[in-house]
mmCIF file of all heavy atoms, coordinates in Angstrom:
data_MODEL
# 
_entry.id   MODEL 
# 
loop_
_atom_site.group_PDB 
_atom_site.id 
_atom_site.type_symbol 
_atom_site.label_atom_id 
_atom_site.label_alt_id 
_atom_site.label_comp_id 
_atom_site.label_asym_id 
_atom_site.label_entity_id 
_atom_site.label_seq_id 
_atom_site.pdbx_PDB_ins_code 
_atom_site.Cartn_x 
_atom_site.Cartn_y 
_atom_site.Cartn_z 
_atom_site.occupancy 
_atom_site.B_iso_or_equiv 
_atom_site.pdbx_formal_charge 
_atom_site.auth_seq_id 
_atom_site.auth_comp_id 
_atom_site.auth_asym_id 
_atom_site.auth_atom_id 
_atom_site.pdbx_PDB_model_num 
ATOM 1   N N   . GLY A 1 1  ? 221.002 158.739 165.119 1.00 0.00 ? 1  GLY A N   1 
ATOM 2   C CA  . GLY A 1 1  ? 220.994 159.809 164.138 1.00 0.00 ? 1  GLY A CA  1 
ATOM 3   C C   . GLY A 1 1  ? 221.785 159.508 162.892 1.00 0.00 ? 1  GLY A C   1 
ATOM 4   O O   . GLY A 1 1  ? 222.101 160.445 162.120 1.00 0.00 ? 1  GLY A O   1 
ATOM 5   N N   . ASP A 1 2  ? 222.011 158.234 162.561 1.00 0.00 ? 2  ASP A N   1 
ATOM 6   C CA  . ASP A 1 2  ? 222.798 157.884 161.353 1.00 0.00 ? 2  ASP A CA  1 
ATOM 7   C C   . ASP A 1 2  ? 221.950 157.609 160.141 1.00 0.00 ? 2  ASP A C   1 
ATOM 8   O O   . ASP A 1 2  ? 222.438 157.287 159.100 1.00 0.00 ? 2  ASP A O   1 
ATOM 9   C CB  . ASP A 1 2  ? 223.742 156.708 161.618 1.00 0.00 ? 2  ASP A CB  1 
ATOM 10  C CG  . ASP A 1 2  ? 222.978 155.402 161.854 1.00 0.00 ? 2  ASP A CG  1 
ATOM 11  O OD1 . ASP A 1 2  ? 221.744 155.388 161.871 1.00 0.00 ? 2  ASP A OD1 1 
ATOM 12  O OD2 . ASP A 1 2  ? 223.688 154.349 162.048 1.00 0.00 ? 2  ASP A OD2 1 
ATOM 13  N N   . GLY A 1 3  ? 220.622 157.795 160.286 1.00 0.00 ? 3  GLY A N   1 
ATOM 14  C CA  . GLY A 1 3  ? 219.700 157.576 159.153 1.00 0.00 ? 3  GLY A CA  1 
ATOM 15  C C   . GLY A 1 3  ? 219.285 156.109 158.930 1.00 0.00 ? 3  GLY A C   1 
ATOM 16  O O   . GLY A 1 3  ? 218.525 155.842 158.045 1.00 0.00 ? 3  GLY A O   1 
ATOM 17  N N   . ARG A 1 4  ? 219.760 155.216 159.817 1.00 0.00 ? 4  ARG A N   1 
ATOM 18  C CA  . ARG A 1 4  ? 219.434 153.805 159.749 1.00 0.00 ? 4  ARG A CA  1 
ATOM 19  C C   . ARG A 1 4  ? 218.809 153.384 161.085 1.00 0.00 ? 4  ARG A C   1 
ATOM 20  O O   . ARG A 1 4  ? 219.280 153.792 162.134 1.00 0.00 ? 4  ARG A O   1 
ATOM 21  C CB  . ARG A 1 4  ? 220.610 152.935 159.449 1.00 0.00 ? 4  ARG A CB  1 
ATOM 22  C CG  . ARG A 1 4  ? 221.269 153.323 158.066 1.00 0.00 ? 4  ARG A CG  1 
ATOM 23  C CD  . ARG A 1 4  ? 222.342 152.312 157.654 1.00 0.00 ? 4  ARG A CD  1 
ATOM 24  N NE  . ARG A 1 4  ? 221.708 151.016 157.537 1.00 0.00 ? 4  ARG A NE  1 
ATOM 25  C CZ  . ARG A 1 4  ? 222.330 149.850 157.795 1.00 0.00 ? 4  ARG A CZ  1 
ATOM 26  N NH1 . ARG A 1 4  ? 223.585 149.852 158.176 1.00 0.00 ? 4  ARG A NH1 1 
ATOM 27  N NH2 . ARG A 1 4  ? 221.713 148.721 157.673 1.00 0.00 ? 4  ARG A NH2 1 
ATOM 28  N N   . GLU A 1 5  ? 217.783 152.514 161.007 1.00 0.00 ? 5  GLU A N   1 
ATOM 29  C CA  . GLU A 1 5  ? 217.166 152.053 162.241 1.00 0.00 ? 5  GLU A CA  1 
ATOM 30  C C   . GLU A 1 5  ? 218.049 151.020 162.941 1.00 0.00 ? 5  GLU A C   1 
ATOM 31  O O   . GLU A 1 5  ? 218.782 150.239 162.309 1.00 0.00 ? 5  GLU A O   1 
ATOM 32  C CB  . GLU A 1 5  ? 215.787 151.443 161.933 1.00 0.00 ? 5  GLU A CB  1 
ATOM 33  C CG  . GLU A 1 5  ? 214.781 152.507 161.566 1.00 0.00 ? 5  GLU A CG  1 
ATOM 34  C CD  . GLU A 1 5  ? 213.367 152.032 161.774 1.00 0.00 ? 5  GLU A CD  1 
ATOM 35  O OE1 . GLU A 1 5  ? 213.100 150.830 161.918 1.00 0.00 ? 5  GLU A OE1 1 
ATOM 36  O OE2 . GLU A 1 5  ? 212.495 152.936 161.795 1.00 0.00 ? 5  GLU A OE2 1 
ATOM 37  N N   . GLU A 1 6  ? 217.940 151.024 164.268 1.00 0.00 ? 6  GLU A N   1 
ATOM 38  C CA  . GLU A 1 6  ? 218.562 150.033 165.130 1.00 0.00 ? 6  GLU A CA  1 
ATOM 39  C C   . GLU A 1 6  ? 217.473 149.289 165.918 1.00 0.00 ? 6  GLU A C   1 
ATOM 40  O O   . GLU A 1 6  ? 216.340 149.778 165.975 1.00 0.00 ? 6  GLU A O   1 
ATOM 41  C CB  . GLU A 1 6  ? 219.561 150.714 166.156 1.00 0.00 ? 6  GLU A CB  1 
ATOM 42  C CG  . GLU A 1 6  ? 220.723 151.364 165.524 1.00 0.00 ? 6  GLU A CG  1 
ATOM 43  C CD  . GLU A 1 6  ? 220.481 152.776 165.028 1.00 0.00 ? 6  GLU A CD  1 
ATOM 44  O OE1 . GLU A 1 6  ? 219.675 153.484 165.634 1.00 0.00 ? 6  GLU A OE1 1 
ATOM 45  O OE2 . GLU A 1 6  ? 221.097 153.131 164.014 1.00 0.00 ? 6  GLU A OE2 1 
ATOM 46  N N   . LEU A 1 7  ? 217.816 148.204 166.546 1.00 0.00 ? 7  LEU A N   1 
ATOM 47  C CA  . LEU A 1 7  ? 216.912 147.462 167.415 1.00 0.00 ? 7  LEU A CA  1 
ATOM 48  C C   . LEU A 1 7  ? 217.427 147.622 168.855 1.00 0.00 ? 7  LEU A C   1 
ATOM 49  O O   . LEU A 1 7  ? 218.601 147.355 169.144 1.00 0.00 ? 7  LEU A O   1 
ATOM 50  C CB  . LEU A 1 7  ? 216.900 145.982 167.045 1.00 0.00 ? 7  LEU A CB  1 
ATOM 51  C CG  . LEU A 1 7  ? 216.221 145.038 168.018 1.00 0.00 ? 7  LEU A CG  1 
ATOM 52  C CD1 . LEU A 1 7  ? 214.696 145.343 168.067 1.00 0.00 ? 7  LEU A CD1 1 
ATOM 53  C CD2 . LEU A 1 7  ? 216.403 143.597 167.615 1.00 0.00 ? 7  LEU A CD2 1 
ATOM 54  N N   . VAL A 1 8  ? 216.537 148.064 169.758 1.00 0.00 ? 8  VAL A N   1 
ATOM 55  C CA  . VAL A 1 8  ? 216.875 148.191 171.178 1.00 0.00 ? 8  VAL A CA  1 
ATOM 56  C C   . VAL A 1 8  ? 216.034 147.162 171.908 1.00 0.00 ? 8  VAL A C   1 
ATOM 57  O O   . VAL A 1 8  ? 214.852 146.985 171.623 1.00 0.00 ? 8  VAL A O   1 
ATOM 58  C CB  . VAL A 1 8  ? 216.593 149.616 171.660 1.00 0.00 ? 8  VAL A CB  1 
ATOM 59  C CG1 . VAL A 1 8  ? 216.710 149.702 173.170 1.00 0.00 ? 8  VAL A CG1 1 
ATOM 60  C CG2 . VAL A 1 8  ? 217.557 150.603 171.013 1.00 0.00 ? 8  VAL A CG2 1 
ATOM 61  N N   . PHE A 1 9  ? 216.665 146.508 172.924 1.00 0.00 ? 9  PHE A N   1 
ATOM 62  C CA  . PHE A 1 9  ? 215.886 145.507 173.694 1.00 0.00 ? 9  PHE A CA  1 
ATOM 63  C C   . PHE A 1 9  ? 216.529 145.346 175.062 1.00 0.00 ? 9  PHE A C   1 
ATOM 64  O O   . PHE A 1 9  ? 217.695 145.633 175.277 1.00 0.00 ? 9  PHE A O   1 
ATOM 65  C CB  . PHE A 1 9  ? 215.832 144.159 172.971 1.00 0.00 ? 9  PHE A CB  1 
ATOM 66  C CG  . PHE A 1 9  ? 217.155 143.522 172.745 1.00 0.00 ? 9  PHE A CG  1 
ATOM 67  C CD1 . PHE A 1 9  ? 217.706 142.622 173.661 1.00 0.00 ? 9  PHE A CD1 1 
ATOM 68  C CD2 . PHE A 1 9  ? 217.928 143.839 171.598 1.00 0.00 ? 9  PHE A CD2 1 
ATOM 69  C CE1 . PHE A 1 9  ? 218.946 142.046 173.449 1.00 0.00 ? 9  PHE A CE1 1 
ATOM 70  C CE2 . PHE A 1 9  ? 219.154 143.249 171.386 1.00 0.00 ? 9  PHE A CE2 1 
ATOM 71  C CZ  . PHE A 1 9  ? 219.683 142.357 172.340 1.00 0.00 ? 9  PHE A CZ  1 
ATOM 72  N N   . TRP A 1 10 ? 215.709 144.879 176.009 1.00 0.00 ? 10 TRP A N   1 
ATOM 73  C CA  . TRP A 1 10 ? 216.161 144.540 177.359 1.00 0.00 ? 10 TRP A CA  1 
ATOM 74  C C   . TRP A 1 10 ? 216.504 143.082 177.442 1.00 0.00 ? 10 TRP A C   1 
ATOM 75  O O   . TRP A 1 10 ? 215.879 142.227 176.819 1.00 0.00 ? 10 TRP A O   1 
ATOM 76  C CB  . TRP A 1 10 ? 215.030 144.764 178.363 1.00 0.00 ? 10 TRP A CB  1 
ATOM 77  C CG  . TRP A 1 10 ? 214.668 146.167 178.691 1.00 0.00 ? 10 TRP A CG  1 
ATOM 78  C CD1 . TRP A 1 10 ? 213.581 146.840 178.258 1.00 0.00 ? 10 TRP A CD1 1 
ATOM 79  C CD2 . TRP A 1 10 ? 215.389 147.065 179.522 1.00 0.00 ? 10 TRP A CD2 1 
ATOM 80  N NE1 . TRP A 1 10 ? 213.541 148.067 178.761 1.00 0.00 ? 10 TRP A NE1 1 
ATOM 81  C CE2 . TRP A 1 10 ? 214.663 148.265 179.567 1.00 0.00 ? 10 TRP A CE2 1 
ATOM 82  C CE3 . TRP A 1 10 ? 216.570 146.980 180.249 1.00 0.00 ? 10 TRP A CE3 1 
ATOM 83  C CZ2 . TRP A 1 10 ? 215.064 149.361 180.273 1.00 0.00 ? 10 TRP A CZ2 1 
ATOM 84  C CZ3 . TRP A 1 10 ? 216.982 148.087 180.977 1.00 0.00 ? 10 TRP A CZ3 1 
ATOM 85  C CH2 . TRP A 1 10 ? 216.239 149.262 180.986 1.00 0.00 ? 10 TRP A CH2 1 
ATOM 86  N N   . ASN A 1 11 ? 217.549 142.743 178.249 1.00 0.00 ? 11 ASN A N   1 
ATOM 87  C CA  . ASN A 1 11 ? 217.715 141.423 178.776 1.00 0.00 ? 11 ASN A CA  1 
ATOM 88  C C   . ASN A 1 11 ? 217.362 141.547 180.281 1.00 0.00 ? 11 ASN A C   1 
ATOM 89  O O   . ASN A 1 11 ? 218.166 142.104 181.062 1.00 0.00 ? 11 ASN A O   1 
ATOM 90  C CB  . ASN A 1 11 ? 219.130 140.890 178.622 1.00 0.00 ? 11 ASN A CB  1 
ATOM 91  C CG  . ASN A 1 11 ? 219.216 139.462 179.194 1.00 0.00 ? 11 ASN A CG  1 
ATOM 92  O OD1 . ASN A 1 11 ? 218.945 139.237 180.365 1.00 0.00 ? 11 ASN A OD1 1 
ATOM 93  N ND2 . ASN A 1 11 ? 219.634 138.535 178.344 1.00 0.00 ? 11 ASN A ND2 1 
ATOM 94  N N   . THR A 1 12 ? 216.144 141.164 180.637 1.00 0.00 ? 12 THR A N   1 
ATOM 95  C CA  . THR A 1 12 ? 215.647 141.429 181.965 1.00 0.00 ? 12 THR A CA  1 
ATOM 96  C C   . THR A 1 12 ? 216.279 140.568 183.051 1.00 0.00 ? 12 THR A C   1 
ATOM 97  O O   . THR A 1 12 ? 216.275 140.938 184.200 1.00 0.00 ? 12 THR A O   1 
ATOM 98  C CB  . THR A 1 12 ? 214.141 141.248 182.023 1.00 0.00 ? 12 THR A CB  1 
ATOM 99  O OG1 . THR A 1 12 ? 213.779 139.938 181.568 1.00 0.00 ? 12 THR A OG1 1 
ATOM 100 C CG2 . THR A 1 12 ? 213.433 142.270 181.141 1.00 0.00 ? 12 THR A CG2 1 
ATOM 101 N N   . ASN A 1 13 ? 216.861 139.426 182.717 1.00 0.00 ? 13 ASN A N   1 
ATOM 102 C CA  . ASN A 1 13 ? 217.516 138.572 183.717 1.00 0.00 ? 13 ASN A CA  1 
ATOM 103 C C   . ASN A 1 13 ? 218.736 139.258 184.330 1.00 0.00 ? 13 ASN A C   1 
ATOM 104 O O   . ASN A 1 13 ? 219.058 139.070 185.466 1.00 0.00 ? 13 ASN A O   1 
ATOM 105 C CB  . ASN A 1 13 ? 217.942 137.248 183.152 1.00 0.00 ? 13 ASN A CB  1 
ATOM 106 C CG  . ASN A 1 13 ? 216.793 136.298 182.974 1.00 0.00 ? 13 ASN A CG  1 
ATOM 107 O OD1 . ASN A 1 13 ? 215.666 136.540 183.418 1.00 0.00 ? 13 ASN A OD1 1 
ATOM 108 N ND2 . ASN A 1 13 ? 217.040 135.169 182.321 1.00 0.00 ? 13 ASN A ND2 1 
ATOM 109 N N   . VAL A 1 14 ? 219.454 140.044 183.510 1.00 0.00 ? 14 VAL A N   1 
ATOM 110 C CA  . VAL A 1 14 ? 220.670 140.694 183.971 1.00 0.00 ? 14 VAL A CA  1 
ATOM 111 C C   . VAL A 1 14 ? 220.586 142.238 184.009 1.00 0.00 ? 14 VAL A C   1 
ATOM 112 O O   . VAL A 1 14 ? 221.563 142.922 184.219 1.00 0.00 ? 14 VAL A O   1 
ATOM 113 C CB  . VAL A 1 14 ? 221.893 140.254 183.168 1.00 0.00 ? 14 VAL A CB  1 
ATOM 114 C CG1 . VAL A 1 14 ? 222.170 138.782 183.410 1.00 0.00 ? 14 VAL A CG1 1 
ATOM 115 C CG2 . VAL A 1 14 ? 221.691 140.505 181.690 1.00 0.00 ? 14 VAL A CG2 1 
ATOM 116 N N   . CYS A 1 15 ? 219.372 142.767 183.749 1.00 0.00 ? 15 CYS A N   1 
ATOM 117 C CA  . CYS A 1 15 ? 219.118 144.200 183.801 1.00 0.00 ? 15 CYS A CA  1 
ATOM 118 C C   . CYS A 1 15 ? 219.984 145.035 182.845 1.00 0.00 ? 15 CYS A C   1 
ATOM 119 O O   . CYS A 1 15 ? 220.527 146.050 183.194 1.00 0.00 ? 15 CYS A O   1 
ATOM 120 C CB  . CYS A 1 15 ? 219.254 144.730 185.236 1.00 0.00 ? 15 CYS A CB  1 
ATOM 121 S SG  . CYS A 1 15 ? 218.103 144.006 186.382 1.00 0.00 ? 15 CYS A SG  1 
ATOM 122 N N   . LYS A 1 16 ? 220.115 144.517 181.619 1.00 0.00 ? 16 LYS A N   1 
ATOM 123 C CA  . LYS A 1 16 ? 220.918 145.202 180.621 1.00 0.00 ? 16 LYS A CA  1 
ATOM 124 C C   . LYS A 1 16 ? 220.030 145.676 179.485 1.00 0.00 ? 16 LYS A C   1 
ATOM 125 O O   . LYS A 1 16 ? 219.125 144.968 179.028 1.00 0.00 ? 16 LYS A O   1 
ATOM 126 C CB  . LYS A 1 16 ? 222.000 144.257 180.084 1.00 0.00 ? 16 LYS A CB  1 
ATOM 127 C CG  . LYS A 1 16 ? 223.085 143.898 181.066 1.00 0.00 ? 16 LYS A CG  1 
ATOM 128 C CD  . LYS A 1 16 ? 224.118 143.028 180.418 1.00 0.00 ? 16 LYS A CD  1 
ATOM 129 C CE  . LYS A 1 16 ? 225.189 142.648 181.414 1.00 0.00 ? 16 LYS A CE  1 
ATOM 130 N NZ  . LYS A 1 16 ? 226.237 141.799 180.761 1.00 0.00 ? 16 LYS A NZ  1 
ATOM 131 N N   . LEU A 1 17 ? 220.347 146.876 178.957 1.00 0.00 ? 17 LEU A N   1 
ATOM 132 C CA  . LEU A 1 17 ? 219.696 147.408 177.783 1.00 0.00 ? 17 LEU A CA  1 
ATOM 133 C C   . LEU A 1 17 ? 220.727 147.396 176.647 1.00 0.00 ? 17 LEU A C   1 
ATOM 134 O O   . LEU A 1 17 ? 221.833 147.918 176.793 1.00 0.00 ? 17 LEU A O   1 
ATOM 135 C CB  . LEU A 1 17 ? 219.183 148.823 178.024 1.00 0.00 ? 17 LEU A CB  1 
ATOM 136 C CG  . LEU A 1 17 ? 218.398 149.468 176.900 1.00 0.00 ? 17 LEU A CG  1 
ATOM 137 C CD1 . LEU A 1 17 ? 217.076 148.761 176.648 1.00 0.00 ? 17 LEU A CD1 1 
ATOM 138 C CD2 . LEU A 1 17 ? 218.121 150.929 177.233 1.00 0.00 ? 17 LEU A CD2 1 
ATOM 139 N N   . PHE A 1 18 ? 220.327 146.815 175.509 1.00 0.00 ? 18 PHE A N   1 
ATOM 140 C CA  . PHE A 1 18 ? 221.208 146.652 174.344 1.00 0.00 ? 18 PHE A CA  1 
ATOM 141 C C   . PHE A 1 18 ? 220.672 147.398 173.128 1.00 0.00 ? 18 PHE A C   1 
ATOM 142 O O   . PHE A 1 18 ? 219.462 147.610 173.000 1.00 0.00 ? 18 PHE A O   1 
ATOM 143 C CB  . PHE A 1 18 ? 221.328 145.176 173.974 1.00 0.00 ? 18 PHE A CB  1 
ATOM 144 C CG  . PHE A 1 18 ? 222.092 144.319 174.934 1.00 0.00 ? 18 PHE A CG  1 
ATOM 145 C CD1 . PHE A 1 18 ? 221.407 143.565 175.874 1.00 0.00 ? 18 PHE A CD1 1 
ATOM 146 C CD2 . PHE A 1 18 ? 223.492 144.272 174.917 1.00 0.00 ? 18 PHE A CD2 1 
ATOM 147 C CE1 . PHE A 1 18 ? 222.093 142.754 176.764 1.00 0.00 ? 18 PHE A CE1 1 
ATOM 148 C CE2 . PHE A 1 18 ? 224.184 143.487 175.808 1.00 0.00 ? 18 PHE A CE2 1 
ATOM 149 C CZ  . PHE A 1 18 ? 223.460 142.718 176.728 1.00 0.00 ? 18 PHE A CZ  1 
ATOM 150 N N   . ILE A 1 19 ? 221.602 147.744 172.247 1.00 0.00 ? 19 ILE A N   1 
ATOM 151 C CA  . ILE A 1 19 ? 221.257 148.267 170.940 1.00 0.00 ? 19 ILE A CA  1 
ATOM 152 C C   . ILE A 1 19 ? 222.017 147.443 169.913 1.00 0.00 ? 19 ILE A C   1 
ATOM 153 O O   . ILE A 1 19 ? 223.165 147.080 170.079 1.00 0.00 ? 19 ILE A O   1 
ATOM 154 C CB  . ILE A 1 19 ? 221.575 149.778 170.789 1.00 0.00 ? 19 ILE A CB  1 
ATOM 155 C CG1 . ILE A 1 19 ? 221.036 150.330 169.471 1.00 0.00 ? 19 ILE A CG1 1 
ATOM 156 C CG2 . ILE A 1 19 ? 223.080 150.042 170.937 1.00 0.00 ? 19 ILE A CG2 1 
ATOM 157 C CD1 . ILE A 1 19 ? 220.981 151.841 169.410 1.00 0.00 ? 19 ILE A CD1 1 
ATOM 158 N N   . ALA A 1 20 ? 221.300 147.072 168.817 1.00 0.00 ? 20 ALA A N   1 
ATOM 159 C CA  . ALA A 1 20 ? 221.874 146.247 167.765 1.00 0.00 ? 20 ALA A CA  1 
ATOM 160 C C   . ALA A 1 20 ? 221.771 146.988 166.445 1.00 0.00 ? 20 ALA A C   1 
ATOM 161 O O   . ALA A 1 20 ? 220.685 147.479 166.086 1.00 0.00 ? 20 ALA A O   1 
ATOM 162 C CB  . ALA A 1 20 ? 221.190 144.898 167.699 1.00 0.00 ? 20 ALA A CB  1 
ATOM 163 N N   . GLU A 1 21 ? 222.883 147.060 165.722 1.00 0.00 ? 21 GLU A N   1 
ATOM 164 C CA  . GLU A 1 21 ? 222.866 147.591 164.357 1.00 0.00 ? 21 GLU A CA  1 
ATOM 165 C C   . GLU A 1 21 ? 222.269 146.517 163.477 1.00 0.00 ? 21 GLU A C   1 
ATOM 166 O O   . GLU A 1 21 ? 222.615 145.330 163.570 1.00 0.00 ? 21 GLU A O   1 
ATOM 167 C CB  . GLU A 1 21 ? 224.294 147.928 163.912 1.00 0.00 ? 21 GLU A CB  1 
ATOM 168 C CG  . GLU A 1 21 ? 224.991 148.971 164.761 1.00 0.00 ? 21 GLU A CG  1 
ATOM 169 C CD  . GLU A 1 21 ? 224.373 150.371 164.601 1.00 0.00 ? 21 GLU A CD  1 
ATOM 170 O OE1 . GLU A 1 21 ? 223.747 150.662 163.532 1.00 0.00 ? 21 GLU A OE1 1 
ATOM 171 O OE2 . GLU A 1 21 ? 224.576 151.196 165.493 1.00 0.00 ? 21 GLU A OE2 1 
ATOM 172 N N   . ILE A 1 22 ? 221.360 146.878 162.603 1.00 0.00 ? 22 ILE A N   1 
ATOM 173 C CA  . ILE A 1 22 ? 220.677 145.920 161.752 1.00 0.00 ? 22 ILE A CA  1 
ATOM 174 C C   . ILE A 1 22 ? 221.537 145.709 160.492 1.00 0.00 ? 22 ILE A C   1 
ATOM 175 O O   . ILE A 1 22 ? 221.857 146.684 159.783 1.00 0.00 ? 22 ILE A O   1 
ATOM 176 C CB  . ILE A 1 22 ? 219.276 146.398 161.359 1.00 0.00 ? 22 ILE A CB  1 
ATOM 177 C CG1 . ILE A 1 22 ? 218.452 146.602 162.657 1.00 0.00 ? 22 ILE A CG1 1 
ATOM 178 C CG2 . ILE A 1 22 ? 218.630 145.389 160.421 1.00 0.00 ? 22 ILE A CG2 1 
ATOM 179 C CD1 . ILE A 1 22 ? 217.153 147.301 162.451 1.00 0.00 ? 22 ILE A CD1 1 
ATOM 180 N N   . PRO A 1 23 ? 221.954 144.485 160.231 1.00 0.00 ? 23 PRO A N   1 
ATOM 181 C CA  . PRO A 1 23 ? 222.785 144.224 159.054 1.00 0.00 ? 23 PRO A CA  1 
ATOM 182 C C   . PRO A 1 23 ? 222.024 144.469 157.757 1.00 0.00 ? 23 PRO A C   1 
ATOM 183 O O   . PRO A 1 23 ? 220.818 144.479 157.713 1.00 0.00 ? 23 PRO A O   1 
ATOM 184 C CB  . PRO A 1 23 ? 223.190 142.737 159.183 1.00 0.00 ? 23 PRO A CB  1 
ATOM 185 C CG  . PRO A 1 23 ? 222.690 142.271 160.480 1.00 0.00 ? 23 PRO A CG  1 
ATOM 186 C CD  . PRO A 1 23 ? 221.684 143.281 160.991 1.00 0.00 ? 23 PRO A CD  1 
ATOM 187 N N   . GLU A 1 24 ? 222.832 144.620 156.683 1.00 0.00 ? 24 GLU A N   1 
ATOM 188 C CA  . GLU A 1 24 ? 222.210 144.817 155.327 1.00 0.00 ? 24 GLU A CA  1 
ATOM 189 C C   . GLU A 1 24 ? 221.263 143.663 154.983 1.00 0.00 ? 24 GLU A C   1 
ATOM 190 O O   . GLU A 1 24 ? 220.212 143.879 154.434 1.00 0.00 ? 24 GLU A O   1 
ATOM 191 C CB  . GLU A 1 24 ? 223.317 144.924 154.264 1.00 0.00 ? 24 GLU A CB  1 
ATOM 192 C CG  . GLU A 1 24 ? 224.096 146.205 154.353 1.00 0.00 ? 24 GLU A CG  1 
ATOM 193 C CD  . GLU A 1 24 ? 223.289 147.420 154.034 1.00 0.00 ? 24 GLU A CD  1 
ATOM 194 O OE1 . GLU A 1 24 ? 222.379 147.379 153.216 1.00 0.00 ? 24 GLU A OE1 1 
ATOM 195 O OE2 . GLU A 1 24 ? 223.567 148.478 154.682 1.00 0.00 ? 24 GLU A OE2 1 
# 
């Protein structure tokens, strides 16, 4: 909800879900 898009992805080998802030 900060007005900027993020990237969400799985690392399926270790069953983790990540979110990454997109740099300028």
